[in-house]
Amino acid sequence: MNHTGLPASSAGDPIYHLATALLATETVDEALSAALPLLGTALDTDRGIRIDLSHDLTPALTPGFAIPLIAKGRAIGAIVVDGDALDPERASAVAGLLATAIATRRHAAVENERLLQEASGLKMDVVSMLSHEMRTPLASIKGYASALRIEGIGWDAGTRGDFLQTIEEETDRLTHLVEDILESAAIDAGLLRLQPEPILISRIARRVIDRISIQTNRHRFVAMFSSNFPVIEADSQRIEQ
């Protein structure tokens, strides 16, 4: 046997060439375009041939000899040949190859569409999440900046310092968020190479907490990990980001 599923001895048979041509296609249209010029030789006839994928293939509406295309027990069309019946064995083999190719590519098209819709939905979720994440620090920055500009209020030095510290913290938060977005885009585009290595998440978490704690005294951060928390393979720098 070879990659077409046909015996090696049949490599010179026209049906083998049809199978090989169909294997090289990805869409239904490509399969039909590849098959049509080869059907006459594969069916051993010089009569006119067409492929009909319409739903109504009744004899009155389909002149000529129709070879049904059956996939998973369901008729999906027919090879229509001018004139009378052909060799049933060859006709069955050719129809089986073409029906399988069409059904497989239709299924792939449906699956691809489903994946595209799923990806589109995920993108919308990400956009919604990012919108929320960015709106919060922006609101804080605008609120405290506006408060500092209110005329007639003499903020004491401590209050002004708190306001400015909050603005600085929220600006840093926005900066990190934008950096994360750019990193993700670079990964998706294949422009950023990850360097996975065995790491302890607990160590990274504590290192991040130590760094963040210096920036604010208004929050208390706690990292809790079980003693048997597993070592994982990841890029420590990206995880820390």
C-alpha atoms as a PDB file:
ATOM      1  CA  MET A   1       0.000   0.000   0.000  1.00  0.00           C
ATOM      2  CA  ASN A   2       1.072   3.630  -0.533  1.00  0.00           C
ATOM      3  CA  HIS A   3      -0.123   7.013   0.722  1.00  0.00           C
ATOM      4  CA  THR A   4      -3.195   6.928  -1.554  1.00  0.00           C
ATOM      5  CA  GLY A   5      -4.473   3.734   0.033  1.00  0.00           C
ATOM      6  CA  LEU A   6      -4.231   1.882  -3.308  1.00  0.00           C
ATOM      7  CA  PRO A   7      -1.923  -1.072  -4.027  1.00  0.00           C
ATOM      8  CA  ALA A   8       1.508  -0.088  -5.336  1.00  0.00           C
ATOM      9  CA  SER A   9       0.872  -2.151  -8.474  1.00  0.00           C
ATOM     10  CA  SER A  10      -1.965   0.223  -9.412  1.00  0.00           C
ATOM     11  CA  ALA A  11       0.346   3.246  -9.671  1.00  0.00           C
ATOM     12  CA  GLY A  12      -0.126   3.316 -13.460  1.00  0.00           C
ATOM     13  CA  ASP A  13      -3.909   3.071 -13.285  1.00  0.00           C
ATOM     14  CA  PRO A  14      -5.911   6.241 -14.110  1.00  0.00           C
ATOM     15  CA  ILE A  15      -7.855   5.804 -10.875  1.00  0.00           C
ATOM     16  CA  TYR A  16      -4.551   5.992  -8.994  1.00  0.00           C
ATOM     17  CA  HIS A  17      -3.749   9.273 -10.746  1.00  0.00           C
ATOM     18  CA  LEU A  18      -7.191  10.593  -9.802  1.00  0.00           C
ATOM     19  CA  ALA A  19      -6.623   9.649  -6.156  1.00  0.00           C
ATOM     20  CA  THR A  20      -3.209  11.338  -6.169  1.00  0.00           C
ATOM     21  CA  ALA A  21      -4.649  14.508  -7.696  1.00  0.00           C
ATOM     22  CA  LEU A  22      -7.433  14.641  -5.111  1.00  0.00           C
ATOM     23  CA  LEU A  23      -4.965  14.199  -2.252  1.00  0.00           C
ATOM     24  CA  ALA A  24      -3.196  17.378  -3.333  1.00  0.00           C
ATOM     25  CA  THR A  25      -6.340  19.515  -2.972  1.00  0.00           C
ATOM     26  CA  GLU A  26      -7.637  21.362   0.076  1.00  0.00           C
ATOM     27  CA  THR A  27     -11.063  22.716  -0.907  1.00  0.00           C
ATOM     28  CA  VAL A  28     -14.113  21.307  -2.679  1.00  0.00           C
ATOM     29  CA  ASP A  29     -13.558  23.621  -5.655  1.00  0.00           C
ATOM     30  CA  GLU A  30      -9.942  22.477  -5.943  1.00  0.00           C
ATOM     31  CA  ALA A  31     -11.041  18.838  -5.784  1.00  0.00           C
ATOM     32  CA  LEU A  32     -13.632  19.340  -8.526  1.00  0.00           C
ATOM     33  CA  SER A  33     -11.156  21.208 -10.748  1.00  0.00           C
ATOM     34  CA  ALA A  34      -8.529  18.496 -10.276  1.00  0.00           C
ATOM     35  CA  ALA A  35     -10.943  15.608 -10.819  1.00  0.00           C
ATOM     36  CA  LEU A  36     -12.890  16.759 -13.873  1.00  0.00           C
ATOM     37  CA  PRO A  37     -10.053  16.450 -16.448  1.00  0.00           C
ATOM     38  CA  LEU A  38      -9.184  12.970 -15.136  1.00  0.00           C
ATOM     39  CA  LEU A  39     -12.659  11.449 -14.905  1.00  0.00           C
ATOM     40  CA  GLY A  40     -12.885  10.418 -18.551  1.00  0.00           C
ATOM     41  CA  THR A  41      -9.663   8.408 -18.364  1.00  0.00           C
ATOM     42  CA  ALA A  42     -10.513   7.004 -14.929  1.00  0.00           C
ATOM     43  CA  LEU A  43     -13.940   5.864 -16.146  1.00  0.00           C
ATOM     44  CA  ASP A  44     -12.476   4.649 -19.465  1.00  0.00           C
ATOM     45  CA  THR A  45     -14.825   6.739 -21.597  1.00  0.00           C
ATOM     46  CA  ASP A  46     -14.622   9.667 -23.989  1.00  0.00           C
ATOM     47  CA  ARG A  47     -18.194  10.789 -23.369  1.00  0.00           C
ATOM     48  CA  GLY A  48     -19.109  14.140 -21.933  1.00  0.00           C
ATOM     49  CA  ILE A  49     -18.805  14.231 -18.139  1.00  0.00           C
ATOM     50  CA  ARG A  50     -19.854  16.719 -15.504  1.00  0.00           C
ATOM     51  CA  ILE A  51     -20.059  16.726 -11.723  1.00  0.00           C
ATOM     52  CA  ASP A  52     -23.440  17.696 -10.295  1.00  0.00           C
ATOM     53  CA  LEU A  53     -23.626  18.561  -6.590  1.00  0.00           C
ATOM     54  CA  SER A  54     -27.214  19.799  -6.707  1.00  0.00           C
ATOM     55  CA  HIS A  55     -29.721  18.354  -4.280  1.00  0.00           C
ATOM     56  CA  ASP A  56     -32.216  17.200  -6.935  1.00  0.00           C
ATOM     57  CA  LEU A  57     -30.740  14.463  -9.131  1.00  0.00           C
ATOM     58  CA  THR A  58     -33.940  12.849 -10.391  1.00  0.00           C
ATOM     59  CA  PRO A  59     -33.634  11.285 -13.877  1.00  0.00           C
ATOM     60  CA  ALA A  60     -36.019  13.826 -15.393  1.00  0.00           C
ATOM     61  CA  LEU A  61     -33.780  16.686 -14.290  1.00  0.00           C
ATOM     62  CA  THR A  62     -30.449  14.911 -14.756  1.00  0.00           C
ATOM     63  CA  PRO A  63     -30.092  13.670 -18.343  1.00  0.00           C
ATOM     64  CA  GLY A  64     -27.418  11.038 -18.910  1.00  0.00           C
ATOM     65  CA  PHE A  65     -26.068   8.264 -16.712  1.00  0.00           C
ATOM     66  CA  ALA A  66     -25.649   9.433 -13.119  1.00  0.00           C
ATOM     67  CA  ILE A  67     -23.087   7.767 -10.864  1.00  0.00           C
ATOM     68  CA  PRO A  68     -24.141   8.661  -7.303  1.00  0.00           C
ATOM     69  CA  LEU A  69     -21.615  10.239  -4.972  1.00  0.00           C
ATOM     70  CA  ILE A  70     -22.299   8.687  -1.572  1.00  0.00           C
ATOM     71  CA  ALA A  71     -20.587   9.833   1.625  1.00  0.00           C
ATOM     72  CA  LYS A  72     -21.515   8.348   5.003  1.00  0.00           C
ATOM     73  CA  GLY A  73     -24.639   6.823   3.507  1.00  0.00           C
ATOM     74  CA  ARG A  74     -25.908  10.110   2.088  1.00  0.00           C
ATOM     75  CA  ALA A  75     -26.025  11.204  -1.543  1.00  0.00           C
ATOM     76  CA  ILE A  76     -24.073  14.432  -2.007  1.00  0.00           C
ATOM     77  CA  GLY A  77     -24.228  14.595  -5.807  1.00  0.00           C
ATOM     78  CA  ALA A  78     -23.363  12.573  -8.887  1.00  0.00           C
ATOM     79  CA  ILE A  79     -20.946  12.164 -11.751  1.00  0.00           C
ATOM     80  CA  VAL A  80     -23.158  12.580 -14.821  1.00  0.00           C
ATOM     81  CA  VAL A  81     -21.973  10.882 -18.017  1.00  0.00           C
ATOM     82  CA  ASP A  82     -23.599  11.301 -21.423  1.00  0.00           C
ATOM     83  CA  GLY A  83     -25.104   8.082 -22.737  1.00  0.00           C
ATOM     84  CA  ASP A  84     -25.645   4.717 -21.098  1.00  0.00           C
ATOM     85  CA  ALA A  85     -24.132   2.891 -18.115  1.00  0.00           C
ATOM     86  CA  LEU A  86     -20.401   2.343 -17.654  1.00  0.00           C
ATOM     87  CA  ASP A  87     -18.337  -0.410 -16.051  1.00  0.00           C
ATOM     88  CA  PRO A  88     -19.925  -0.555 -12.571  1.00  0.00           C
ATOM     89  CA  GLU A  89     -16.705  -1.503 -10.760  1.00  0.00           C
ATOM     90  CA  ARG A  90     -14.717   1.426 -12.146  1.00  0.00           C
ATOM     91  CA  ALA A  91     -17.664   3.775 -11.725  1.00  0.00           C
ATOM     92  CA  SER A  92     -18.024   2.770  -8.071  1.00  0.00           C
ATOM     93  CA  ALA A  93     -14.294   3.222  -7.370  1.00  0.00           C
ATOM     94  CA  VAL A  94     -14.159   6.645  -9.022  1.00  0.00           C
ATOM     95  CA  ALA A  95     -17.351   7.833  -7.334  1.00  0.00           C
ATOM     96  CA  GLY A  96     -16.089   6.622  -3.962  1.00  0.00           C
ATOM     97  CA  LEU A  97     -12.839   8.560  -4.301  1.00  0.00           C
ATOM     98  CA  LEU A  98     -14.558  11.766  -5.379  1.00  0.00           C
ATOM     99  CA  ALA A  99     -17.323  11.519  -2.766  1.00  0.00           C
ATOM    100  CA  THR A 100     -14.795  10.993   0.016  1.00  0.00           C
ATOM    101  CA  ALA A 101     -12.705  13.948  -1.174  1.00  0.00           C
ATOM    102  CA  ILE A 102     -15.732  16.261  -1.341  1.00  0.00           C
ATOM    103  CA  ALA A 103     -17.133  15.184   2.032  1.00  0.00           C
ATOM    104  CA  THR A 104     -13.742  15.480   3.740  1.00  0.00           C
ATOM    105  CA  ARG A 105     -13.138  18.967   2.384  1.00  0.00           C
ATOM    106  CA  ARG A 106     -16.639  20.110   3.256  1.00  0.00           C
ATOM    107  CA  HIS A 107     -16.114  18.899   6.803  1.00  0.00           C
ATOM    108  CA  ALA A 108     -12.756  20.691   6.945  1.00  0.00           C
ATOM    109  CA  ALA A 109     -14.380  23.904   5.699  1.00  0.00           C
ATOM    110  CA  VAL A 110     -17.069  23.699   8.383  1.00  0.00           C
ATOM    111  CA  GLU A 111     -14.462  23.003  11.065  1.00  0.00           C
ATOM    112  CA  ASN A 112     -12.287  25.892   9.873  1.00  0.00           C
ATOM    113  CA  GLU A 113     -15.276  28.226   9.989  1.00  0.00           C
ATOM    114  CA  ARG A 114     -16.055  27.057  13.513  1.00  0.00           C
ATOM    115  CA  LEU A 115     -12.468  27.679  14.593  1.00  0.00           C
ATOM    116  CA  LEU A 116     -12.512  31.134  12.988  1.00  0.00           C
ATOM    117  CA  GLN A 117     -15.701  32.037  14.823  1.00  0.00           C
ATOM    118  CA  GLU A 118     -14.231  30.687  18.055  1.00  0.00           C
ATOM    119  CA  ALA A 119     -11.052  32.709  17.530  1.00  0.00           C
ATOM    120  CA  SER A 120     -13.128  35.793  16.745  1.00  0.00           C
ATOM    121  CA  GLY A 121     -15.075  35.289  19.961  1.00  0.00           C
ATOM    122  CA  LEU A 122     -11.851  34.919  21.936  1.00  0.00           C
ATOM    123  CA  LYS A 123     -10.498  38.112  20.389  1.00  0.00           C
ATOM    124  CA  MET A 124     -13.644  39.965  21.423  1.00  0.00           C
ATOM    125  CA  ASP A 125     -13.245  38.606  24.959  1.00  0.00           C
ATOM    126  CA  VAL A 126      -9.621  39.763  25.031  1.00  0.00           C
ATOM    127  CA  VAL A 127     -10.554  43.213  23.717  1.00  0.00           C
ATOM    128  CA  SER A 128     -13.292  43.478  26.332  1.00  0.00           C
ATOM    129  CA  MET A 129     -10.898  42.423  29.094  1.00  0.00           C
ATOM    130  CA  LEU A 130      -8.205  44.852  27.947  1.00  0.00           C
ATOM    131  CA  SER A 131     -10.751  47.648  27.719  1.00  0.00           C
ATOM    132  CA  HIS A 132     -11.753  46.997  31.312  1.00  0.00           C
ATOM    133  CA  GLU A 133      -8.147  46.679  32.491  1.00  0.00           C
ATOM    134  CA  MET A 134      -7.155  49.966  30.854  1.00  0.00           C
ATOM    135  CA  ARG A 135     -10.270  51.868  31.882  1.00  0.00           C
ATOM    136  CA  THR A 136      -9.590  51.395  35.609  1.00  0.00           C
ATOM    137  CA  PRO A 137      -6.120  53.012  35.780  1.00  0.00           C
ATOM    138  CA  LEU A 138      -7.155  55.706  33.307  1.00  0.00           C
ATOM    139  CA  ALA A 139     -10.098  56.625  35.514  1.00  0.00           C
ATOM    140  CA  SER A 140      -7.805  56.873  38.546  1.00  0.00           C
ATOM    141  CA  ILE A 141      -5.258  59.003  36.695  1.00  0.00           C
ATOM    142  CA  LYS A 142      -7.925  61.350  35.374  1.00  0.00           C
ATOM    143  CA  GLY A 143      -9.673  61.559  38.746  1.00  0.00           C
ATOM    144  CA  TYR A 144      -6.598  62.440  40.781  1.00  0.00           C
ATOM    145  CA  ALA A 145      -5.186  64.769  38.115  1.00  0.00           C
ATOM    146  CA  SER A 146      -8.520  66.602  37.929  1.00  0.00           C
ATOM    147  CA  ALA A 147      -8.631  66.881  41.721  1.00  0.00           C
ATOM    148  CA  LEU A 148      -5.201  68.497  41.787  1.00  0.00           C
ATOM    149  CA  ARG A 149      -6.376  71.111  39.285  1.00  0.00           C
ATOM    150  CA  ILE A 150      -9.483  72.170  41.216  1.00  0.00           C
ATOM    151  CA  GLU A 151      -9.163  75.859  42.029  1.00  0.00           C
ATOM    152  CA  GLY A 152      -9.763  77.019  45.567  1.00  0.00           C
ATOM    153  CA  ILE A 153      -8.615  73.827  47.249  1.00  0.00           C
ATOM    154  CA  GLY A 154      -5.257  74.009  48.939  1.00  0.00           C
ATOM    155  CA  TRP A 155      -4.176  70.395  49.131  1.00  0.00           C
ATOM    156  CA  ASP A 156      -1.593  69.820  51.825  1.00  0.00           C
ATOM    157  CA  ALA A 157       1.752  68.354  50.836  1.00  0.00           C
ATOM    158  CA  GLY A 158       0.883  64.875  52.133  1.00  0.00           C
ATOM    159  CA  THR A 159      -2.367  64.688  50.156  1.00  0.00           C
ATOM    160  CA  ARG A 160      -0.729  65.986  46.995  1.00  0.00           C
ATOM    161  CA  GLY A 161       1.991  63.398  47.450  1.00  0.00           C
ATOM    162  CA  ASP A 162      -0.597  60.617  47.789  1.00  0.00           C
ATOM    163  CA  PHE A 163      -2.414  61.803  44.654  1.00  0.00           C
ATOM    164  CA  LEU A 164       0.810  61.964  42.655  1.00  0.00           C
ATOM    165  CA  GLN A 165       1.897  58.548  43.916  1.00  0.00           C
ATOM    166  CA  THR A 166      -1.403  57.046  42.781  1.00  0.00           C
ATOM    167  CA  ILE A 167      -1.051  58.673  39.365  1.00  0.00           C
ATOM    168  CA  GLU A 168       2.469  57.266  39.081  1.00  0.00           C
ATOM    169  CA  GLU A 169       1.378  53.770  40.131  1.00  0.00           C
ATOM    170  CA  GLU A 170      -1.533  53.716  37.694  1.00  0.00           C
ATOM    171  CA  THR A 171       0.723  54.992  34.905  1.00  0.00           C
ATOM    172  CA  ASP A 172       3.142  52.138  35.621  1.00  0.00           C
ATOM    173  CA  ARG A 173       0.215  49.735  35.559  1.00  0.00           C
ATOM    174  CA  LEU A 174      -0.819  51.000  32.122  1.00  0.00           C
ATOM    175  CA  THR A 175       2.758  50.766  30.893  1.00  0.00           C
ATOM    176  CA  HIS A 176       3.028  47.128  31.993  1.00  0.00           C
ATOM    177  CA  LEU A 177      -0.314  46.345  30.363  1.00  0.00           C
ATOM    178  CA  VAL A 178       0.790  47.832  27.043  1.00  0.00           C
ATOM    179  CA  GLU A 179       4.085  45.920  27.272  1.00  0.00           C
ATOM    180  CA  ASP A 180       2.177  42.682  27.852  1.00  0.00           C
ATOM    181  CA  ILE A 181      -0.023  43.366  24.813  1.00  0.00           C
ATOM    182  CA  LEU A 182       3.035  44.012  22.642  1.00  0.00           C
ATOM    183  CA  GLU A 183       4.712  40.857  23.956  1.00  0.00           C
ATOM    184  CA  SER A 184       1.618  38.785  23.142  1.00  0.00           C
ATOM    185  CA  ALA A 185       1.455  40.247  19.631  1.00  0.00           C
ATOM    186  CA  ALA A 186       5.130  39.446  19.104  1.00  0.00           C
ATOM    187  CA  ILE A 187       4.586  35.851  20.243  1.00  0.00           C
ATOM    188  CA  ASP A 188       1.589  35.441  17.904  1.00  0.00           C
ATOM    189  CA  ALA A 189       3.644  36.821  15.005  1.00  0.00           C
ATOM    190  CA  GLY A 190       6.508  34.455  15.780  1.00  0.00           C
ATOM    191  CA  LEU A 191       8.853  37.362  16.460  1.00  0.00           C
ATOM    192  CA  LEU A 192       9.536  36.450  20.074  1.00  0.00           C
ATOM    193  CA  ARG A 193      11.236  33.229  21.079  1.00  0.00           C
ATOM    194  CA  LEU A 194      10.360  31.762  24.429  1.00  0.00           C
ATOM    195  CA  GLN A 195      13.097  30.094  26.465  1.00  0.00           C
ATOM    196  CA  PRO A 196      11.411  27.482  28.654  1.00  0.00           C
ATOM    197  CA  GLU A 197      13.314  26.098  31.621  1.00  0.00           C
ATOM    198  CA  PRO A 198      12.436  24.405  34.925  1.00  0.00           C
ATOM    199  CA  ILE A 199      11.171  27.118  37.278  1.00  0.00           C
ATOM    200  CA  LEU A 200       9.540  27.464  40.677  1.00  0.00           C
ATOM    201  CA  ILE A 201       6.488  29.695  40.440  1.00  0.00           C
ATOM    202  CA  SER A 202       6.675  30.371  44.181  1.00  0.00           C
ATOM    203  CA  ARG A 203      10.091  32.042  43.811  1.00  0.00           C
ATOM    204  CA  ILE A 204       8.918  34.209  40.929  1.00  0.00           C
ATOM    205  CA  ALA A 205       5.766  35.209  42.809  1.00  0.00           C
ATOM    206  CA  ARG A 206       7.755  36.261  45.870  1.00  0.00           C
ATOM    207  CA  ARG A 207      10.233  38.177  43.713  1.00  0.00           C
ATOM    208  CA  VAL A 208       7.401  40.072  42.029  1.00  0.00           C
ATOM    209  CA  ILE A 209       5.797  40.812  45.404  1.00  0.00           C
ATOM    210  CA  ASP A 210       9.084  42.175  46.754  1.00  0.00           C
ATOM    211  CA  ARG A 211       9.363  44.501  43.782  1.00  0.00           C
ATOM    212  CA  ILE A 212       5.744  45.685  43.862  1.00  0.00           C
ATOM    213  CA  SER A 213       5.705  46.165  47.629  1.00  0.00           C
ATOM    214  CA  ILE A 214       8.388  48.828  47.327  1.00  0.00           C
ATOM    215  CA  GLN A 215       6.078  50.848  45.071  1.00  0.00           C
ATOM    216  CA  THR A 216       3.164  51.085  47.501  1.00  0.00           C
ATOM    217  CA  ASN A 217       2.513  50.914  51.231  1.00  0.00           C
ATOM    218  CA  ARG A 218      -1.249  50.780  50.878  1.00  0.00           C
ATOM    219  CA  HIS A 219      -1.497  47.114  49.947  1.00  0.00           C
ATOM    220  CA  ARG A 220      -0.257  43.899  51.496  1.00  0.00           C
ATOM    221  CA  PHE A 221       0.645  41.051  49.172  1.00  0.00           C
ATOM    222  CA  VAL A 222       0.759  37.419  50.283  1.00  0.00           C
ATOM    223  CA  ALA A 223       1.963  34.422  48.259  1.00  0.00           C
ATOM    224  CA  MET A 224       0.959  30.982  49.505  1.00  0.00           C
ATOM    225  CA  PHE A 225       2.197  27.784  47.873  1.00  0.00           C
ATOM    226  CA  SER A 226       2.130  24.218  49.124  1.00  0.00           C
ATOM    227  CA  SER A 227       5.492  22.643  49.923  1.00  0.00           C
ATOM    228  CA  ASN A 228       5.063  20.119  47.101  1.00  0.00           C
ATOM    229  CA  PHE A 229       4.055  22.657  44.438  1.00  0.00           C
ATOM    230  CA  PRO A 230       5.506  21.230  41.187  1.00  0.00           C
ATOM    231  CA  VAL A 231       8.337  22.591  39.094  1.00  0.00           C
ATOM    232  CA  ILE A 232       7.087  23.679  35.660  1.00  0.00           C
ATOM    233  CA  GLU A 233       8.677  24.339  32.263  1.00  0.00           C
ATOM    234  CA  ALA A 234       8.256  28.007  31.292  1.00  0.00           C
ATOM    235  CA  ASP A 235      10.067  31.186  30.337  1.00  0.00           C
ATOM    236  CA  SER A 236      10.761  32.752  33.730  1.00  0.00           C
ATOM    237  CA  GLN A 237      11.139  36.279  32.351  1.00  0.00           C
ATOM    238  CA  ARG A 238       7.783  36.163  30.544  1.00  0.00           C
ATOM    239  CA  ILE A 239       6.041  34.598  33.534  1.00  0.00           C
ATOM    240  CA  GLU A 240       7.385  37.368  35.754  1.00  0.00           C
ATOM    241  CA  GLN A 241       6.085  39.974  33.330  1.00  0.00           C
END
